[in-house]
């Protein structure tokens, strides 16, 4: 599956348009990560636990979007975008969307 954040794929021609595809995941913070994060806030540095959580969340959302596109017969997704929103205290949604297409 080809993913891109632009409208076209260089060297490819869009021959079929399937429409919007999405993927999302809702994740909550982990108490252990919060404790480590509170120390990092005092002393500075990367919050690796949260970085890992966000990377895993992005990949899960992308995988769900790809599965939806594949079920439509697409082999590419163009105009891929990410969005996040707060769902509840300590929980957030990571949402990805794009346009499923068939390219040759």
N, C-alpha and C. Protein backbone atom coordinates (compact mmCIF):
# COMPACT_ATOMS: atom_id res chain seq x y z
N UNK A 1 0.86 -1.18 0.00
CA UNK A 1 0.00 0.00 0.00
C UNK A 1 0.90 1.23 0.00
N UNK A 2 0.64 2.11 -0.95
CA UNK A 2 1.37 3.38 -1.02
C UNK A 2 0.59 4.42 -0.21
N UNK A 3 1.29 5.10 0.68
CA UNK A 3 0.69 6.19 1.46
C UNK A 3 1.44 7.47 1.16
N UNK A 4 0.69 8.56 0.95
CA UNK A 4 1.33 9.85 0.73
C UNK A 4 0.44 10.96 1.25
N UNK A 5 1.07 12.06 1.62
CA UNK A 5 0.29 13.21 2.10
C UNK A 5 0.07 14.23 0.98
N UNK A 6 0.42 13.89 -0.24
CA UNK A 6 0.14 14.77 -1.39
C UNK A 6 -1.00 14.19 -2.21
N UNK A 7 -1.49 14.96 -3.18
CA UNK A 7 -2.69 14.57 -3.93
C UNK A 7 -2.43 13.53 -5.02
N UNK A 8 -1.20 13.40 -5.44
CA UNK A 8 -0.86 12.45 -6.49
C UNK A 8 0.35 11.64 -6.07
N UNK A 9 0.64 10.61 -6.85
CA UNK A 9 1.83 9.81 -6.61
C UNK A 9 2.71 9.96 -7.84
N UNK A 10 3.84 10.59 -7.71
CA UNK A 10 4.71 10.81 -8.87
C UNK A 10 5.00 9.51 -9.61
N UNK A 11 4.83 9.56 -10.93
CA UNK A 11 5.07 8.39 -11.76
C UNK A 11 3.91 7.42 -11.83
N UNK A 12 2.83 7.70 -11.12
CA UNK A 12 1.64 6.83 -11.11
C UNK A 12 0.44 7.62 -11.58
N UNK A 13 -0.53 6.90 -12.10
CA UNK A 13 -1.78 7.52 -12.53
C UNK A 13 -2.93 6.95 -11.72
N UNK A 14 -3.76 7.83 -11.17
CA UNK A 14 -4.94 7.38 -10.44
C UNK A 14 -5.98 6.93 -11.46
N UNK A 15 -6.38 5.66 -11.37
CA UNK A 15 -7.35 5.13 -12.33
C UNK A 15 -8.71 4.84 -11.69
N UNK A 16 -8.75 4.84 -10.36
CA UNK A 16 -10.02 4.61 -9.66
C UNK A 16 -9.98 5.36 -8.33
N UNK A 17 -11.10 5.96 -8.00
CA UNK A 17 -11.23 6.72 -6.75
C UNK A 17 -12.27 6.02 -5.90
N UNK A 18 -11.90 5.61 -4.67
CA UNK A 18 -12.82 4.87 -3.80
C UNK A 18 -13.39 5.72 -2.67
N UNK A 19 -12.77 6.83 -2.37
CA UNK A 19 -13.30 7.72 -1.34
C UNK A 19 -12.53 7.68 -0.04
N UNK A 20 -13.13 8.29 0.96
CA UNK A 20 -12.51 8.48 2.27
C UNK A 20 -12.30 7.15 2.99
N UNK A 21 -11.11 7.00 3.57
CA UNK A 21 -10.83 5.88 4.47
C UNK A 21 -10.26 6.46 5.76
N UNK A 22 -10.53 5.79 6.87
CA UNK A 22 -10.12 6.30 8.17
C UNK A 22 -9.58 5.18 9.05
N UNK A 23 -8.85 5.58 10.05
CA UNK A 23 -8.41 4.67 11.09
C UNK A 23 -8.25 5.47 12.36
N UNK A 24 -8.57 4.86 13.49
CA UNK A 24 -8.41 5.58 14.74
C UNK A 24 -8.12 4.61 15.87
N UNK A 25 -7.61 5.17 16.95
CA UNK A 25 -7.41 4.43 18.19
C UNK A 25 -7.54 5.42 19.33
N UNK A 26 -8.08 4.95 20.43
CA UNK A 26 -8.19 5.77 21.62
C UNK A 26 -7.30 5.12 22.67
N UNK A 27 -6.41 5.90 23.22
CA UNK A 27 -5.45 5.39 24.20
C UNK A 27 -5.50 6.23 25.47
N UNK A 28 -5.22 5.58 26.57
CA UNK A 28 -5.13 6.30 27.84
C UNK A 28 -3.69 6.25 28.34
N UNK A 29 -3.38 7.18 29.20
CA UNK A 29 -2.04 7.24 29.78
C UNK A 29 -1.88 6.10 30.77
N UNK A 30 -0.65 5.71 30.99
CA UNK A 30 -0.29 4.63 31.91
C UNK A 30 0.29 5.26 33.18
N UNK A 31 -0.13 4.79 34.34
CA UNK A 31 0.31 5.37 35.60
C UNK A 31 1.83 5.37 35.72
N UNK A 32 2.48 4.27 35.34
CA UNK A 32 3.94 4.20 35.40
C UNK A 32 4.59 5.25 34.52
N UNK A 33 4.04 5.45 33.33
CA UNK A 33 4.58 6.46 32.43
C UNK A 33 4.37 7.86 33.00
N UNK A 34 3.24 8.07 33.69
CA UNK A 34 2.98 9.38 34.30
C UNK A 34 4.00 9.70 35.38
N UNK A 35 4.39 8.70 36.16
CA UNK A 35 5.38 8.94 37.23
C UNK A 35 6.72 9.35 36.63
N UNK A 36 7.15 8.60 35.60
CA UNK A 36 8.41 8.93 34.93
C UNK A 36 8.31 10.30 34.29
N UNK A 37 7.17 10.59 33.66
CA UNK A 37 6.97 11.89 33.01
C UNK A 37 7.06 13.04 34.01
N UNK A 38 6.55 12.83 35.21
CA UNK A 38 6.60 13.90 36.20
C UNK A 38 8.05 14.22 36.58
N UNK A 39 8.92 13.20 36.65
CA UNK A 39 10.34 13.45 36.91
C UNK A 39 11.00 14.17 35.73
N UNK A 40 10.64 13.77 34.52
CA UNK A 40 11.21 14.42 33.34
C UNK A 40 10.79 15.88 33.26
N UNK A 41 9.58 16.19 33.71
CA UNK A 41 9.12 17.57 33.71
C UNK A 41 9.98 18.44 34.64
N UNK A 42 10.49 17.83 35.69
CA UNK A 42 11.35 18.56 36.63
C UNK A 42 12.75 18.75 36.05
N UNK A 43 13.31 17.66 35.53
CA UNK A 43 14.70 17.66 35.09
C UNK A 43 14.89 17.86 33.59
N UNK A 44 13.83 17.74 32.83
CA UNK A 44 13.91 17.90 31.38
C UNK A 44 14.25 16.59 30.69
N UNK A 45 14.04 16.54 29.39
CA UNK A 45 14.36 15.36 28.60
C UNK A 45 13.14 14.81 27.89
N UNK A 46 13.41 13.88 27.00
CA UNK A 46 12.35 13.27 26.20
C UNK A 46 11.51 12.33 27.07
N UNK A 47 10.21 12.37 26.85
CA UNK A 47 9.29 11.47 27.54
C UNK A 47 9.15 10.21 26.68
N UNK A 48 10.11 9.31 26.77
CA UNK A 48 10.18 8.15 25.89
C UNK A 48 8.95 7.26 25.97
N UNK A 49 8.39 7.12 27.16
CA UNK A 49 7.19 6.31 27.30
C UNK A 49 6.05 6.85 26.46
N UNK A 50 5.89 8.18 26.46
CA UNK A 50 4.84 8.79 25.65
C UNK A 50 5.18 8.76 24.17
N UNK A 51 6.46 8.89 23.85
CA UNK A 51 6.87 8.79 22.44
C UNK A 51 6.52 7.41 21.90
N UNK A 52 6.82 6.38 22.66
CA UNK A 52 6.48 5.01 22.25
C UNK A 52 4.97 4.82 22.12
N UNK A 53 4.23 5.35 23.09
CA UNK A 53 2.77 5.25 23.06
C UNK A 53 2.20 5.90 21.81
N UNK A 54 2.70 7.09 21.47
CA UNK A 54 2.20 7.78 20.28
C UNK A 54 2.60 7.06 19.00
N UNK A 55 3.82 6.54 18.94
CA UNK A 55 4.24 5.79 17.76
C UNK A 55 3.38 4.55 17.56
N UNK A 56 3.12 3.81 18.64
CA UNK A 56 2.26 2.63 18.56
C UNK A 56 0.84 3.02 18.14
N UNK A 57 0.34 4.11 18.67
CA UNK A 57 -1.01 4.57 18.35
C UNK A 57 -1.12 4.97 16.89
N UNK A 58 -0.12 5.72 16.39
CA UNK A 58 -0.13 6.11 14.98
C UNK A 58 -0.13 4.88 14.08
N UNK A 59 0.72 3.90 14.40
CA UNK A 59 0.81 2.72 13.56
C UNK A 59 -0.49 1.92 13.58
N UNK A 60 -1.13 1.81 14.74
CA UNK A 60 -2.40 1.09 14.82
C UNK A 60 -3.47 1.79 13.98
N UNK A 61 -3.55 3.12 14.06
CA UNK A 61 -4.52 3.86 13.27
C UNK A 61 -4.25 3.70 11.78
N UNK A 62 -2.97 3.78 11.38
CA UNK A 62 -2.60 3.60 9.97
C UNK A 62 -2.98 2.20 9.50
N UNK A 63 -2.69 1.18 10.30
CA UNK A 63 -3.02 -0.20 9.92
C UNK A 63 -4.52 -0.37 9.70
N UNK A 64 -5.33 0.26 10.54
CA UNK A 64 -6.79 0.19 10.38
C UNK A 64 -7.25 0.90 9.11
N UNK A 65 -6.63 2.04 8.81
CA UNK A 65 -6.98 2.76 7.58
C UNK A 65 -6.60 1.93 6.35
N UNK A 66 -5.41 1.34 6.38
CA UNK A 66 -4.96 0.51 5.26
C UNK A 66 -5.90 -0.67 5.06
N UNK A 67 -6.31 -1.33 6.13
CA UNK A 67 -7.24 -2.47 6.02
C UNK A 67 -8.54 -2.05 5.36
N UNK A 68 -9.05 -0.88 5.71
CA UNK A 68 -10.28 -0.38 5.10
C UNK A 68 -10.06 -0.13 3.60
N UNK A 69 -8.94 0.47 3.24
CA UNK A 69 -8.65 0.76 1.83
C UNK A 69 -8.49 -0.54 1.04
N UNK A 70 -7.80 -1.52 1.62
CA UNK A 70 -7.62 -2.80 0.93
C UNK A 70 -8.95 -3.50 0.69
N UNK A 71 -9.86 -3.40 1.65
CA UNK A 71 -11.17 -4.03 1.48
C UNK A 71 -11.98 -3.40 0.34
N UNK A 72 -11.63 -2.17 -0.03
CA UNK A 72 -12.29 -1.49 -1.16
C UNK A 72 -11.62 -1.81 -2.49
N UNK A 73 -10.43 -2.40 -2.45
CA UNK A 73 -9.68 -2.69 -3.67
C UNK A 73 -8.60 -1.67 -4.00
N UNK A 74 -8.33 -0.76 -3.08
CA UNK A 74 -7.33 0.28 -3.32
C UNK A 74 -5.92 -0.27 -3.13
N UNK A 75 -4.97 0.37 -3.83
CA UNK A 75 -3.56 0.03 -3.62
C UNK A 75 -2.75 1.25 -3.19
N UNK A 76 -3.45 2.37 -2.91
CA UNK A 76 -2.79 3.58 -2.45
C UNK A 76 -3.78 4.45 -1.69
N UNK A 77 -3.24 5.29 -0.82
CA UNK A 77 -4.04 6.29 -0.11
C UNK A 77 -3.31 7.62 -0.24
N UNK A 78 -4.02 8.61 -0.78
CA UNK A 78 -3.44 9.93 -0.98
C UNK A 78 -4.06 10.91 0.01
N UNK A 79 -3.41 12.07 0.16
CA UNK A 79 -3.88 13.13 1.07
C UNK A 79 -4.02 12.63 2.51
N UNK A 80 -3.08 11.84 2.98
CA UNK A 80 -3.14 11.30 4.34
C UNK A 80 -2.90 12.43 5.35
N UNK A 81 -3.77 12.48 6.36
CA UNK A 81 -3.68 13.49 7.40
C UNK A 81 -3.91 12.84 8.76
N UNK A 82 -3.35 13.44 9.81
CA UNK A 82 -3.53 12.97 11.18
C UNK A 82 -4.24 14.04 11.99
N UNK A 83 -4.98 13.59 12.99
CA UNK A 83 -5.65 14.49 13.91
C UNK A 83 -5.69 13.82 15.28
N UNK A 84 -5.67 14.63 16.33
CA UNK A 84 -5.82 14.10 17.67
C UNK A 84 -6.89 14.90 18.40
N UNK A 85 -7.51 14.25 19.36
CA UNK A 85 -8.49 14.96 20.19
C UNK A 85 -8.54 14.30 21.56
N UNK A 86 -8.85 15.12 22.54
CA UNK A 86 -9.00 14.63 23.90
C UNK A 86 -10.39 14.03 24.06
N UNK A 87 -10.44 12.80 24.55
CA UNK A 87 -11.73 12.11 24.72
C UNK A 87 -12.23 12.25 26.16
N UNK A 88 -11.33 12.04 27.10
CA UNK A 88 -11.64 12.14 28.53
C UNK A 88 -10.34 12.47 29.25
N UNK A 89 -10.42 12.68 30.54
CA UNK A 89 -9.21 12.96 31.31
C UNK A 89 -8.25 11.79 31.17
N UNK A 90 -7.08 12.04 30.59
CA UNK A 90 -6.08 11.00 30.45
C UNK A 90 -6.25 10.11 29.23
N UNK A 91 -7.22 10.38 28.36
CA UNK A 91 -7.43 9.56 27.16
C UNK A 91 -7.54 10.45 25.93
N UNK A 92 -6.94 10.00 24.83
CA UNK A 92 -6.96 10.77 23.59
C UNK A 92 -7.17 9.85 22.41
N UNK A 93 -7.77 10.40 21.36
CA UNK A 93 -7.96 9.67 20.11
C UNK A 93 -6.92 10.15 19.11
N UNK A 94 -6.32 9.21 18.42
CA UNK A 94 -5.46 9.52 17.30
C UNK A 94 -6.20 9.04 16.06
N UNK A 95 -6.43 9.93 15.12
CA UNK A 95 -7.26 9.68 13.95
C UNK A 95 -6.44 9.95 12.69
N UNK A 96 -6.52 9.07 11.73
CA UNK A 96 -5.84 9.26 10.45
C UNK A 96 -6.87 9.07 9.33
N UNK A 97 -6.75 9.86 8.28
CA UNK A 97 -7.69 9.74 7.17
C UNK A 97 -7.01 10.09 5.86
N UNK A 98 -7.59 9.62 4.79
CA UNK A 98 -7.07 9.90 3.46
C UNK A 98 -8.06 9.43 2.42
N UNK A 99 -7.64 9.49 1.15
CA UNK A 99 -8.48 9.09 0.04
C UNK A 99 -7.92 7.82 -0.58
N UNK A 100 -8.75 6.76 -0.59
CA UNK A 100 -8.33 5.49 -1.17
C UNK A 100 -8.45 5.55 -2.69
N UNK A 101 -7.39 5.12 -3.38
CA UNK A 101 -7.37 5.14 -4.84
C UNK A 101 -6.70 3.87 -5.37
N UNK A 102 -6.90 3.64 -6.64
CA UNK A 102 -6.19 2.58 -7.37
C UNK A 102 -5.27 3.28 -8.35
N UNK A 103 -4.00 2.96 -8.29
CA UNK A 103 -3.03 3.58 -9.19
C UNK A 103 -2.36 2.52 -10.05
N UNK A 104 -1.87 2.97 -11.19
CA UNK A 104 -1.11 2.06 -12.06
C UNK A 104 0.17 2.73 -12.50
